[in-house]
Amino acid sequence: MAIPKYNELYPNVLNVLSDGKEHSIHEIDEIISDQLNLTEEERNEMLPSGNQKLIKNRVGWARAYLKKAGLIESRKRGFANITDLGLKEYNENPNLTEKDLMKYPIIC
């Protein structure tokens, strides 16, 4: 299985955080890797630069855009949790796409 693009991981990130708890970034990456049934080889695949694992990079970008839209937040470094808006969106639309995310003002 090819590792999904970052914008295809929005539902996975919201799913992990939908329990309302604060999760470490590492934990989010691991849970999503498990959800996607990634092999060890896929989990360890690196970016062309060799500086970061591909899955970590893509989950990181998904988190970044969800955070800019106000659907998730980070109260402390290295952790994330879902916001009330994010939980509402996830409950109404568990298969959130990039097009759906565009209705939220992205704060730069």
PDB file of N, CA and C in Angstrom:
ATOM      1  N   MET A   1       0.847  -1.184   0.000  1.00  0.00           N
ATOM      2  CA  MET A   1       0.000   0.000   0.000  1.00  0.00           C
ATOM      3  C   MET A   1       0.886   1.238   0.000  1.00  0.00           C
ATOM      4  N   ALA A   2       0.550   2.167  -0.851  1.00  0.00           N
ATOM      5  CA  ALA A   2       1.281   3.431  -0.860  1.00  0.00           C
ATOM      6  C   ALA A   2       0.806   4.288   0.315  1.00  0.00           C
ATOM      7  N   ILE A   3       1.720   5.036   0.880  1.00  0.00           N
ATOM      8  CA  ILE A   3       1.369   5.917   1.986  1.00  0.00           C
ATOM      9  C   ILE A   3       0.517   7.056   1.429  1.00  0.00           C
ATOM     10  N   PRO A   4      -0.659   7.300   2.017  1.00  0.00           N
ATOM     11  CA  PRO A   4      -1.548   8.350   1.508  1.00  0.00           C
ATOM     12  C   PRO A   4      -0.894   9.723   1.572  1.00  0.00           C
ATOM     13  N   LYS A   5      -1.380  10.612   0.710  1.00  0.00           N
ATOM     14  CA  LYS A   5      -0.942  12.002   0.737  1.00  0.00           C
ATOM     15  C   LYS A   5      -1.466  12.648   2.012  1.00  0.00           C
ATOM     16  N   TYR A   6      -0.840  13.759   2.409  1.00  0.00           N
ATOM     17  CA  TYR A   6      -1.213  14.404   3.674  1.00  0.00           C
ATOM     18  C   TYR A   6      -2.694  14.761   3.726  1.00  0.00           C
ATOM     19  N   ASN A   7      -3.257  15.247   2.598  1.00  0.00           N
ATOM     20  CA  ASN A   7      -4.656  15.675   2.613  1.00  0.00           C
ATOM     21  C   ASN A   7      -5.623  14.495   2.661  1.00  0.00           C
ATOM     22  N   GLU A   8      -5.141  13.300   2.442  1.00  0.00           N
ATOM     23  CA  GLU A   8      -5.964  12.103   2.570  1.00  0.00           C
ATOM     24  C   GLU A   8      -5.944  11.582   4.009  1.00  0.00           C
ATOM     25  N   LEU A   9      -5.099  12.180   4.849  1.00  0.00           N
ATOM     26  CA  LEU A   9      -4.956  11.734   6.232  1.00  0.00           C
ATOM     27  C   LEU A   9      -5.774  12.565   7.222  1.00  0.00           C
ATOM     28  N   TYR A  10      -6.483  13.597   6.748  1.00  0.00           N
ATOM     29  CA  TYR A  10      -7.299  14.403   7.661  1.00  0.00           C
ATOM     30  C   TYR A  10      -8.253  13.545   8.481  1.00  0.00           C
ATOM     31  N   PRO A  11      -9.019  12.628   7.845  1.00  0.00           N
ATOM     32  CA  PRO A  11      -9.947  11.805   8.642  1.00  0.00           C
ATOM     33  C   PRO A  11      -9.229  10.945   9.686  1.00  0.00           C
ATOM     34  N   ASN A  12      -8.048  10.442   9.346  1.00  0.00           N
ATOM     35  CA  ASN A  12      -7.306   9.597  10.288  1.00  0.00           C
ATOM     36  C   ASN A  12      -6.881  10.388  11.515  1.00  0.00           C
ATOM     37  N   VAL A  13      -6.379  11.604  11.299  1.00  0.00           N
ATOM     38  CA  VAL A  13      -5.948  12.426  12.431  1.00  0.00           C
ATOM     39  C   VAL A  13      -7.142  12.741  13.321  1.00  0.00           C
ATOM     40  N   LEU A  14      -8.252  13.157  12.717  1.00  0.00           N
ATOM     41  CA  LEU A  14      -9.445  13.471  13.511  1.00  0.00           C
ATOM     42  C   LEU A  14      -9.963  12.236  14.231  1.00  0.00           C
ATOM     43  N   ASN A  15      -9.886  11.083  13.584  1.00  0.00           N
ATOM     44  CA  ASN A  15     -10.331   9.838  14.218  1.00  0.00           C
ATOM     45  C   ASN A  15      -9.526   9.547  15.477  1.00  0.00           C
ATOM     46  N   VAL A  16      -8.217   9.677  15.387  1.00  0.00           N
ATOM     47  CA  VAL A  16      -7.358   9.405  16.551  1.00  0.00           C
ATOM     48  C   VAL A  16      -7.699  10.357  17.691  1.00  0.00           C
ATOM     49  N   LEU A  17      -7.936  11.628  17.365  1.00  0.00           N
ATOM     50  CA  LEU A  17      -8.174  12.634  18.388  1.00  0.00           C
ATOM     51  C   LEU A  17      -9.633  12.721  18.837  1.00  0.00           C
ATOM     52  N   SER A  18     -10.516  12.012  18.170  1.00  0.00           N
ATOM     53  CA  SER A  18     -11.953  12.125  18.462  1.00  0.00           C
ATOM     54  C   SER A  18     -12.339  11.619  19.847  1.00  0.00           C
ATOM     55  N   ASP A  19     -11.420  10.966  20.544  1.00  0.00           N
ATOM     56  CA  ASP A  19     -11.720  10.521  21.910  1.00  0.00           C
ATOM     57  C   ASP A  19     -11.646  11.679  22.905  1.00  0.00           C
ATOM     58  N   GLY A  20     -11.227  12.858  22.417  1.00  0.00           N
ATOM     59  CA  GLY A  20     -11.188  14.041  23.265  1.00  0.00           C
ATOM     60  C   GLY A  20      -9.950  14.152  24.134  1.00  0.00           C
ATOM     61  N   LYS A  21      -9.072  13.166  24.074  1.00  0.00           N
ATOM     62  CA  LYS A  21      -7.858  13.176  24.888  1.00  0.00           C
ATOM     63  C   LYS A  21      -6.718  13.866  24.141  1.00  0.00           C
ATOM     64  N   GLU A  22      -5.727  14.277  24.894  1.00  0.00           N
ATOM     65  CA  GLU A  22      -4.516  14.839  24.316  1.00  0.00           C
ATOM     66  C   GLU A  22      -3.585  13.681  23.969  1.00  0.00           C
ATOM     67  N   HIS A  23      -3.078  13.665  22.738  1.00  0.00           N
ATOM     68  CA  HIS A  23      -2.207  12.589  22.279  1.00  0.00           C
ATOM     69  C   HIS A  23      -0.869  13.157  21.847  1.00  0.00           C
ATOM     70  N   SER A  24       0.189  12.394  22.101  1.00  0.00           N
ATOM     71  CA  SER A  24       1.508  12.821  21.635  1.00  0.00           C
ATOM     72  C   SER A  24       1.578  12.643  20.118  1.00  0.00           C
ATOM     73  N   ILE A  25       2.422  13.444  19.503  1.00  0.00           N
ATOM     74  CA  ILE A  25       2.607  13.375  18.056  1.00  0.00           C
ATOM     75  C   ILE A  25       3.070  11.972  17.667  1.00  0.00           C
ATOM     76  N   HIS A  26       3.966  11.412  18.439  1.00  0.00           N
ATOM     77  CA  HIS A  26       4.461  10.053  18.163  1.00  0.00           C
ATOM     78  C   HIS A  26       3.312   9.044  18.213  1.00  0.00           C
ATOM     79  N   GLU A  27       2.462   9.173  19.218  1.00  0.00           N
ATOM     80  CA  GLU A  27       1.325   8.261  19.360  1.00  0.00           C
ATOM     81  C   GLU A  27       0.382   8.379  18.159  1.00  0.00           C
ATOM     82  N   ILE A  28       0.122   9.605  17.709  1.00  0.00           N
ATOM     83  CA  ILE A  28      -0.746   9.820  16.550  1.00  0.00           C
ATOM     84  C   ILE A  28      -0.153   9.131  15.326  1.00  0.00           C
ATOM     85  N   ASP A  29       1.148   9.329  15.100  1.00  0.00           N
ATOM     86  CA  ASP A  29       1.820   8.692  13.960  1.00  0.00           C
ATOM     87  C   ASP A  29       1.691   7.176  14.020  1.00  0.00           C
ATOM     88  N   GLU A  30       1.908   6.596  15.198  1.00  0.00           N
ATOM     89  CA  GLU A  30       1.858   5.143  15.355  1.00  0.00           C
ATOM     90  C   GLU A  30       0.444   4.591  15.141  1.00  0.00           C
ATOM     91  N   ILE A  31      -0.551   5.267  15.710  1.00  0.00           N
ATOM     92  CA  ILE A  31      -1.938   4.798  15.560  1.00  0.00           C
ATOM     93  C   ILE A  31      -2.359   4.849  14.094  1.00  0.00           C
ATOM     94  N   ILE A  32      -2.011   5.934  13.413  1.00  0.00           N
ATOM     95  CA  ILE A  32      -2.370   6.047  11.995  1.00  0.00           C
ATOM     96  C   ILE A  32      -1.635   4.993  11.174  1.00  0.00           C
ATOM     97  N   SER A  33      -0.384   4.741  11.474  1.00  0.00           N
ATOM     98  CA  SER A  33       0.361   3.684  10.779  1.00  0.00           C
ATOM     99  C   SER A  33      -0.316   2.330  10.967  1.00  0.00           C
ATOM    100  N   ASP A  34      -0.818   2.088  12.181  1.00  0.00           N
ATOM    101  CA  ASP A  34      -1.553   0.854  12.454  1.00  0.00           C
ATOM    102  C   ASP A  34      -2.870   0.818  11.685  1.00  0.00           C
ATOM    103  N   GLN A  35      -3.610   1.940  11.680  1.00  0.00           N
ATOM    104  CA  GLN A  35      -4.885   2.009  10.950  1.00  0.00           C
ATOM    105  C   GLN A  35      -4.683   1.699   9.471  1.00  0.00           C
ATOM    106  N   LEU A  36      -3.565   2.166   8.926  1.00  0.00           N
ATOM    107  CA  LEU A  36      -3.278   1.973   7.499  1.00  0.00           C
ATOM    108  C   LEU A  36      -2.626   0.625   7.199  1.00  0.00           C
ATOM    109  N   ASN A  37      -2.382  -0.161   8.267  1.00  0.00           N
ATOM    110  CA  ASN A  37      -1.714  -1.459   8.116  1.00  0.00           C
ATOM    111  C   ASN A  37      -0.396  -1.345   7.369  1.00  0.00           C
ATOM    112  N   LEU A  38       0.401  -0.319   7.706  1.00  0.00           N
ATOM    113  CA  LEU A  38       1.684  -0.132   7.038  1.00  0.00           C
ATOM    114  C   LEU A  38       2.672  -1.199   7.482  1.00  0.00           C
ATOM    115  N   THR A  39       3.439  -1.675   6.524  1.00  0.00           N
ATOM    116  CA  THR A  39       4.496  -2.638   6.830  1.00  0.00           C
ATOM    117  C   THR A  39       5.648  -1.899   7.507  1.00  0.00           C
ATOM    118  N   GLU A  40       6.584  -2.656   8.078  1.00  0.00           N
ATOM    119  CA  GLU A  40       7.762  -2.038   8.695  1.00  0.00           C
ATOM    120  C   GLU A  40       8.541  -1.232   7.655  1.00  0.00           C
ATOM    121  N   GLU A  41       8.622  -1.772   6.454  1.00  0.00           N
ATOM    122  CA  GLU A  41       9.325  -1.063   5.378  1.00  0.00           C
ATOM    123  C   GLU A  41       8.651   0.281   5.086  1.00  0.00           C
ATOM    124  N   GLU A  42       7.322   0.284   5.005  1.00  0.00           N
ATOM    125  CA  GLU A  42       6.591   1.529   4.755  1.00  0.00           C
ATOM    126  C   GLU A  42       6.725   2.501   5.929  1.00  0.00           C
ATOM    127  N   ARG A  43       6.687   1.979   7.139  1.00  0.00           N
ATOM    128  CA  ARG A  43       6.830   2.831   8.336  1.00  0.00           C
ATOM    129  C   ARG A  43       8.206   3.492   8.394  1.00  0.00           C
ATOM    130  N   ASN A  44       9.197   2.832   7.838  1.00  0.00           N
ATOM    131  CA  ASN A  44      10.565   3.346   7.894  1.00  0.00           C
ATOM    132  C   ASN A  44      11.003   4.062   6.621  1.00  0.00           C
ATOM    133  N   GLU A  45      10.102   4.165   5.633  1.00  0.00           N
ATOM    134  CA  GLU A  45      10.442   4.857   4.388  1.00  0.00           C
ATOM    135  C   GLU A  45      10.752   6.324   4.684  1.00  0.00           C
ATOM    136  N   MET A  46      11.859   6.785   4.147  1.00  0.00           N
ATOM    137  CA  MET A  46      12.316   8.144   4.405  1.00  0.00           C
ATOM    138  C   MET A  46      11.993   9.069   3.229  1.00  0.00           C
ATOM    139  N   LEU A  47      11.934  10.360   3.523  1.00  0.00           N
ATOM    140  CA  LEU A  47      11.836  11.370   2.475  1.00  0.00           C
ATOM    141  C   LEU A  47      13.111  11.303   1.634  1.00  0.00           C
ATOM    142  N   PRO A  48      13.071  11.828   0.408  1.00  0.00           N
ATOM    143  CA  PRO A  48      14.286  11.820  -0.411  1.00  0.00           C
ATOM    144  C   PRO A  48      15.485  12.479   0.284  1.00  0.00           C
ATOM    145  N   SER A  49      15.236  13.464   1.131  1.00  0.00           N
ATOM    146  CA  SER A  49      16.319  14.139   1.853  1.00  0.00           C
ATOM    147  C   SER A  49      16.956  13.226   2.890  1.00  0.00           C
ATOM    148  N   GLY A  50      16.226  12.193   3.310  1.00  0.00           N
ATOM    149  CA  GLY A  50      16.723  11.284   4.332  1.00  0.00           C
ATOM    150  C   GLY A  50      16.618  11.828   5.742  1.00  0.00           C
ATOM    151  N   ASN A  51      15.935  12.966   5.908  1.00  0.00           N
ATOM    152  CA  ASN A  51      15.865  13.625   7.212  1.00  0.00           C
ATOM    153  C   ASN A  51      14.659  13.244   8.060  1.00  0.00           C
ATOM    154  N   GLN A  52      13.649  12.634   7.448  1.00  0.00           N
ATOM    155  CA  GLN A  52      12.421  12.341   8.189  1.00  0.00           C
ATOM    156  C   GLN A  52      11.694  11.180   7.532  1.00  0.00           C
ATOM    157  N   LYS A  53      10.959  10.418   8.351  1.00  0.00           N
ATOM    158  CA  LYS A  53      10.146   9.338   7.802  1.00  0.00           C
ATOM    159  C   LYS A  53       8.966   9.939   7.048  1.00  0.00           C
ATOM    160  N   LEU A  54       8.620   9.312   5.930  1.00  0.00           N
ATOM    161  CA  LEU A  54       7.556   9.810   5.060  1.00  0.00           C
ATOM    162  C   LEU A  54       6.216   9.881   5.786  1.00  0.00           C
ATOM    163  N   ILE A  55       5.845   8.846   6.535  1.00  0.00           N
ATOM    164  CA  ILE A  55       4.553   8.850   7.223  1.00  0.00           C
ATOM    165  C   ILE A  55       4.510   9.964   8.265  1.00  0.00           C
ATOM    166  N   LYS A  56       5.584  10.186   8.978  1.00  0.00           N
ATOM    167  CA  LYS A  56       5.645  11.251   9.980  1.00  0.00           C
ATOM    168  C   LYS A  56       5.471  12.614   9.314  1.00  0.00           C
ATOM    169  N   ASN A  57       6.091  12.797   8.158  1.00  0.00           N
ATOM    170  CA  ASN A  57       5.981  14.047   7.420  1.00  0.00           C
ATOM    171  C   ASN A  57       4.545  14.296   6.964  1.00  0.00           C
ATOM    172  N   ARG A  58       3.921  13.279   6.418  1.00  0.00           N
ATOM    173  CA  ARG A  58       2.563  13.452   5.888  1.00  0.00           C
ATOM    174  C   ARG A  58       1.539  13.656   6.997  1.00  0.00           C
ATOM    175  N   VAL A  59       1.671  12.927   8.096  1.00  0.00           N
ATOM    176  CA  VAL A  59       0.770  13.137   9.231  1.00  0.00           C
ATOM    177  C   VAL A  59       1.007  14.534   9.810  1.00  0.00           C
ATOM    178  N   GLY A  60       2.255  14.958   9.824  1.00  0.00           N
ATOM    179  CA  GLY A  60       2.581  16.293  10.320  1.00  0.00           C
ATOM    180  C   GLY A  60       1.929  17.391   9.503  1.00  0.00           C
ATOM    181  N   TRP A  61       1.959  17.266   8.179  1.00  0.00           N
ATOM    182  CA  TRP A  61       1.300  18.264   7.326  1.00  0.00           C
ATOM    183  C   TRP A  61      -0.219  18.224   7.505  1.00  0.00           C
ATOM    184  N   ALA A  62      -0.779  17.043   7.654  1.00  0.00           N
ATOM    185  CA  ALA A  62      -2.232  16.936   7.891  1.00  0.00           C
ATOM    186  C   ALA A  62      -2.594  17.643   9.190  1.00  0.00           C
ATOM    187  N   ARG A  63      -1.817  17.411  10.240  1.00  0.00           N
ATOM    188  CA  ARG A  63      -2.059  18.090  11.515  1.00  0.00           C
ATOM    189  C   ARG A  63      -1.943  19.601  11.357  1.00  0.00           C
ATOM    190  N   ALA A  64      -0.956  20.050  10.608  1.00  0.00           N
ATOM    191  CA  ALA A  64      -0.737  21.492  10.426  1.00  0.00           C
ATOM    192  C   ALA A  64      -1.958  22.165   9.805  1.00  0.00           C
ATOM    193  N   TYR A  65      -2.513  21.560   8.762  1.00  0.00           N
ATOM    194  CA  TYR A  65      -3.677  22.158   8.104  1.00  0.00           C
ATOM    195  C   TYR A  65      -4.932  22.067   8.966  1.00  0.00           C
ATOM    196  N   LEU A  66      -5.091  20.971   9.684  1.00  0.00           N
ATOM    197  CA  LEU A  66      -6.234  20.855  10.599  1.00  0.00           C
ATOM    198  C   LEU A  66      -6.126  21.884  11.724  1.00  0.00           C
ATOM    199  N   LYS A  67      -4.918  22.145  12.161  1.00  0.00           N
ATOM    200  CA  LYS A  67      -4.706  23.140  13.213  1.00  0.00           C
ATOM    201  C   LYS A  67      -5.009  24.543  12.685  1.00  0.00           C
ATOM    202  N   LYS A  68      -4.556  24.855  11.483  1.00  0.00           N
ATOM    203  CA  LYS A  68      -4.819  26.174  10.885  1.00  0.00           C
ATOM    204  C   LYS A  68      -6.316  26.412  10.692  1.00  0.00           C
ATOM    205  N   ALA A  69      -7.060  25.341  10.454  1.00  0.00           N
ATOM    206  CA  ALA A  69      -8.513  25.450  10.273  1.00  0.00           C
ATOM    207  C   ALA A  69      -9.247  25.510  11.609  1.00  0.00           C
ATOM    208  N   GLY A  70      -8.533  25.282  12.702  1.00  0.00           N
ATOM    209  CA  GLY A  70      -9.148  25.332  14.020  1.00  0.00           C
ATOM    210  C   GLY A  70      -9.811  24.042  14.454  1.00  0.00           C
ATOM    211  N   LEU A  71      -9.534  22.939  13.754  1.00  0.00           N
ATOM    212  CA  LEU A  71     -10.164  21.661  14.086  1.00  0.00           C
ATOM    213  C   LEU A  71      -9.384  20.886  15.139  1.00  0.00           C
ATOM    214  N   ILE A  72      -8.092  21.154  15.225  1.00  0.00           N
ATOM    215  CA  ILE A  72      -7.281  20.573  16.294  1.00  0.00           C
ATOM    216  C   ILE A  72      -6.430  21.694  16.888  1.00  0.00           C
ATOM    217  N   GLU A  73      -5.844  21.415  18.044  1.00  0.00           N
ATOM    218  CA  GLU A  73      -4.982  22.400  18.685  1.00  0.00           C
ATOM    219  C   GLU A  73      -3.841  21.685  19.386  1.00  0.00           C
ATOM    220  N   SER A  74      -2.864  22.472  19.749  1.00  0.00           N
ATOM    221  CA  SER A  74      -1.720  21.952  20.483  1.00  0.00           C
ATOM    222  C   SER A  74      -1.509  22.847  21.696  1.00  0.00           C
ATOM    223  N   ARG A  75      -1.892  22.329  22.841  1.00  0.00           N
ATOM    224  CA  ARG A  75      -1.753  23.108  24.078  1.00  0.00           C
ATOM    225  C   ARG A  75      -0.333  23.090  24.605  1.00  0.00           C
ATOM    226  N   LYS A  76       0.405  22.044  24.231  1.00  0.00           N
ATOM    227  CA  LYS A  76       1.814  21.990  24.621  1.00  0.00           C
ATOM    228  C   LYS A  76       2.596  21.291  23.524  1.00  0.00           C
ATOM    229  N   ARG A  77       3.871  21.593  23.474  1.00  0.00           N
ATOM    230  CA  ARG A  77       4.747  21.087  22.425  1.00  0.00           C
ATOM    231  C   ARG A  77       4.713  19.559  22.355  1.00  0.00           C
ATOM    232  N   GLY A  78       4.541  19.063  21.112  1.00  0.00           N
ATOM    233  CA  GLY A  78       4.590  17.626  20.894  1.00  0.00           C
ATOM    234  C   GLY A  78       3.298  16.883  21.158  1.00  0.00           C
ATOM    235  N   PHE A  79       2.207  17.625  21.404  1.00  0.00           N
ATOM    236  CA  PHE A  79       0.912  17.009  21.682  1.00  0.00           C
ATOM    237  C   PHE A  79      -0.175  17.707  20.880  1.00  0.00           C
ATOM    238  N   ALA A  80      -1.277  17.003  20.655  1.00  0.00           N
ATOM    239  CA  ALA A  80      -2.421  17.574  19.945  1.00  0.00           C
ATOM    240  C   ALA A  80      -3.710  17.026  20.536  1.00  0.00           C
ATOM    241  N   ASN A  81      -4.761  17.813  20.378  1.00  0.00           N
ATOM    242  CA  ASN A  81      -6.102  17.368  20.767  1.00  0.00           C
ATOM    243  C   ASN A  81      -7.106  18.017  19.826  1.00  0.00           C
ATOM    244  N   ILE A  82      -8.287  17.446  19.782  1.00  0.00           N
ATOM    245  CA  ILE A  82      -9.348  17.944  18.907  1.00  0.00           C
ATOM    246  C   ILE A  82     -10.066  19.099  19.602  1.00  0.00           C
ATOM    247  N   THR A  83     -10.521  20.067  18.816  1.00  0.00           N
ATOM    248  CA  THR A  83     -11.308  21.166  19.360  1.00  0.00           C
ATOM    249  C   THR A  83     -12.787  20.800  19.282  1.00  0.00           C
ATOM    250  N   ASP A  84     -13.637  21.609  19.895  1.00  0.00           N
ATOM    251  CA  ASP A  84     -15.082  21.372  19.798  1.00  0.00           C
ATOM    252  C   ASP A  84     -15.525  21.427  18.339  1.00  0.00           C
ATOM    253  N   LEU A  85     -14.987  22.384  17.596  1.00  0.00           N
ATOM    254  CA  LEU A  85     -15.311  22.500  16.172  1.00  0.00           C
ATOM    255  C   LEU A  85     -14.852  21.255  15.414  1.00  0.00           C
ATOM    256  N   GLY A  86     -13.669  20.770  15.734  1.00  0.00           N
ATOM    257  CA  GLY A  86     -13.150  19.578  15.079  1.00  0.00           C
ATOM    258  C   GLY A  86     -13.990  18.347  15.367  1.00  0.00           C
ATOM    259  N   LEU A  87     -14.443  18.211  16.600  1.00  0.00           N
ATOM    260  CA  LEU A  87     -15.283  17.069  16.965  1.00  0.00           C
ATOM    261  C   LEU A  87     -16.637  17.148  16.261  1.00  0.00           C
ATOM    262  N   LYS A  88     -17.182  18.353  16.181  1.00  0.00           N
ATOM    263  CA  LYS A  88     -18.451  18.550  15.471  1.00  0.00           C
ATOM    264  C   LYS A  88     -18.290  18.170  14.002  1.00  0.00           C
ATOM    265  N   GLU A  89     -17.215  18.652  13.380  1.00  0.00           N
ATOM    266  CA  GLU A  89     -16.957  18.343  11.966  1.00  0.00           C
ATOM    267  C   GLU A  89     -16.750  16.851  11.771  1.00  0.00           C
ATOM    268  N   TYR A  90     -15.984  16.225  12.636  1.00  0.00           N
ATOM    269  CA  TYR A  90     -15.725  14.790  12.508  1.00  0.00           C
ATOM    270  C   TYR A  90     -17.016  13.983  12.650  1.00  0.00           C
ATOM    271  N   ASN A  91     -17.865  14.357  13.597  1.00  0.00           N
ATOM    272  CA  ASN A  91     -19.133  13.636  13.798  1.00  0.00           C
ATOM    273  C   ASN A  91     -20.080  13.814  12.616  1.00  0.00           C
ATOM    274  N   GLU A  92     -20.047  14.985  11.990  1.00  0.00           N
ATOM    275  CA  GLU A  92     -20.922  15.246  10.844  1.00  0.00           C
ATOM    276  C   GLU A  92     -20.338  14.735   9.537  1.00  0.00           C
ATOM    277  N   ASN A  93     -19.001  14.712   9.452  1.00  0.00           N
ATOM    278  CA  ASN A  93     -18.336  14.361   8.203  1.00  0.00           C
ATOM    279  C   ASN A  93     -17.035  13.610   8.507  1.00  0.00           C
ATOM    280  N   PRO A  94     -17.122  12.330   8.853  1.00  0.00           N
ATOM    281  CA  PRO A  94     -15.920  11.582   9.241  1.00  0.00           C
ATOM    282  C   PRO A  94     -14.922  11.372   8.099  1.00  0.00           C
ATOM    283  N   ASN A  95     -15.327  11.641   6.867  1.00  0.00           N
ATOM    284  CA  ASN A  95     -14.433  11.469   5.716  1.00  0.00           C
ATOM    285  C   ASN A  95     -14.011  12.815   5.146  1.00  0.00           C
ATOM    286  N   LEU A  96     -13.652  13.725   6.020  1.00  0.00           N
ATOM    287  CA  LEU A  96     -13.256  15.074   5.655  1.00  0.00           C
ATOM    288  C   LEU A  96     -12.221  15.074   4.528  1.00  0.00           C
ATOM    289  N   THR A  97     -12.472  15.905   3.521  1.00  0.00           N
ATOM    290  CA  THR A  97     -11.544  16.030   2.401  1.00  0.00           C
ATOM    291  C   THR A  97     -10.934  17.424   2.398  1.00  0.00           C
ATOM    292  N   GLU A  98      -9.994  17.620   1.503  1.00  0.00           N
ATOM    293  CA  GLU A  98      -9.369  18.939   1.367  1.00  0.00           C
ATOM    294  C   GLU A  98     -10.412  19.986   0.979  1.00  0.00           C
ATOM    295  N   LYS A  99     -11.348  19.602   0.129  1.00  0.00           N
ATOM    296  CA  LYS A  99     -12.415  20.524  -0.277  1.00  0.00           C
ATOM    297  C   LYS A  99     -13.255  20.949   0.932  1.00  0.00           C
ATOM    298  N   ASP A 100     -13.578  20.006   1.813  1.00  0.00           N
ATOM    299  CA  ASP A 100     -14.338  20.325   3.026  1.00  0.00           C
ATOM    300  C   ASP A 100     -13.556  21.275   3.926  1.00  0.00           C
ATOM    301  N   LEU A 101     -12.267  21.076   4.005  1.00  0.00           N
ATOM    302  CA  LEU A 101     -11.423  21.893   4.878  1.00  0.00           C
ATOM    303  C   LEU A 101     -11.363  23.338   4.388  1.00  0.00           C
ATOM    304  N   MET A 102     -11.569  23.553   3.113  1.00  0.00           N
ATOM    305  CA  MET A 102     -11.466  24.895   2.552  1.00  0.00           C
ATOM    306  C   MET A 102     -12.571  25.837   3.029  1.00  0.00           C
ATOM    307  N   LYS A 103     -13.622  25.315   3.639  1.00  0.00           N
ATOM    308  CA  LYS A 103     -14.685  26.202   4.151  1.00  0.00           C
ATOM    309  C   LYS A 103     -14.261  26.926   5.426  1.00  0.00           C
ATOM    310  N   TYR A 104     -13.139  26.486   6.011  1.00  0.00           N
ATOM    311  CA  TYR A 104     -12.649  27.114   7.226  1.00  0.00           C
ATOM    312  C   TYR A 104     -11.583  28.144   6.865  1.00  0.00           C
ATOM    313  N   PRO A 105     -11.629  29.288   7.542  1.00  0.00           N
ATOM    314  CA  PRO A 105     -10.589  30.283   7.246  1.00  0.00           C
ATOM    315  C   PRO A 105      -9.236  29.772   7.758  1.00  0.00           C
ATOM    316  N   ILE A 106      -8.311  29.666   6.852  1.00  0.00           N
ATOM    317  CA  ILE A 106      -6.977  29.205   7.213  1.00  0.00           C
ATOM    318  C   ILE A 106      -6.167  30.411   7.673  1.00  0.00           C
ATOM    319  N   ILE A 107      -5.722  30.360   8.894  1.00  0.00           N
ATOM    320  CA  ILE A 107      -4.955  31.452   9.467  1.00  0.00           C
ATOM    321  C   ILE A 107      -3.480  31.212   9.210  1.00  0.00           C
ATOM    322  N   CYS A 108      -2.855  32.138   8.551  1.00  0.00           N
ATOM    323  CA  CYS A 108      -1.419  32.000   8.237  1.00  0.00           C
ATOM    324  C   CYS A 108      -0.554  32.714   9.230  1.00  0.00           C
TER     325      CYS A 108
END
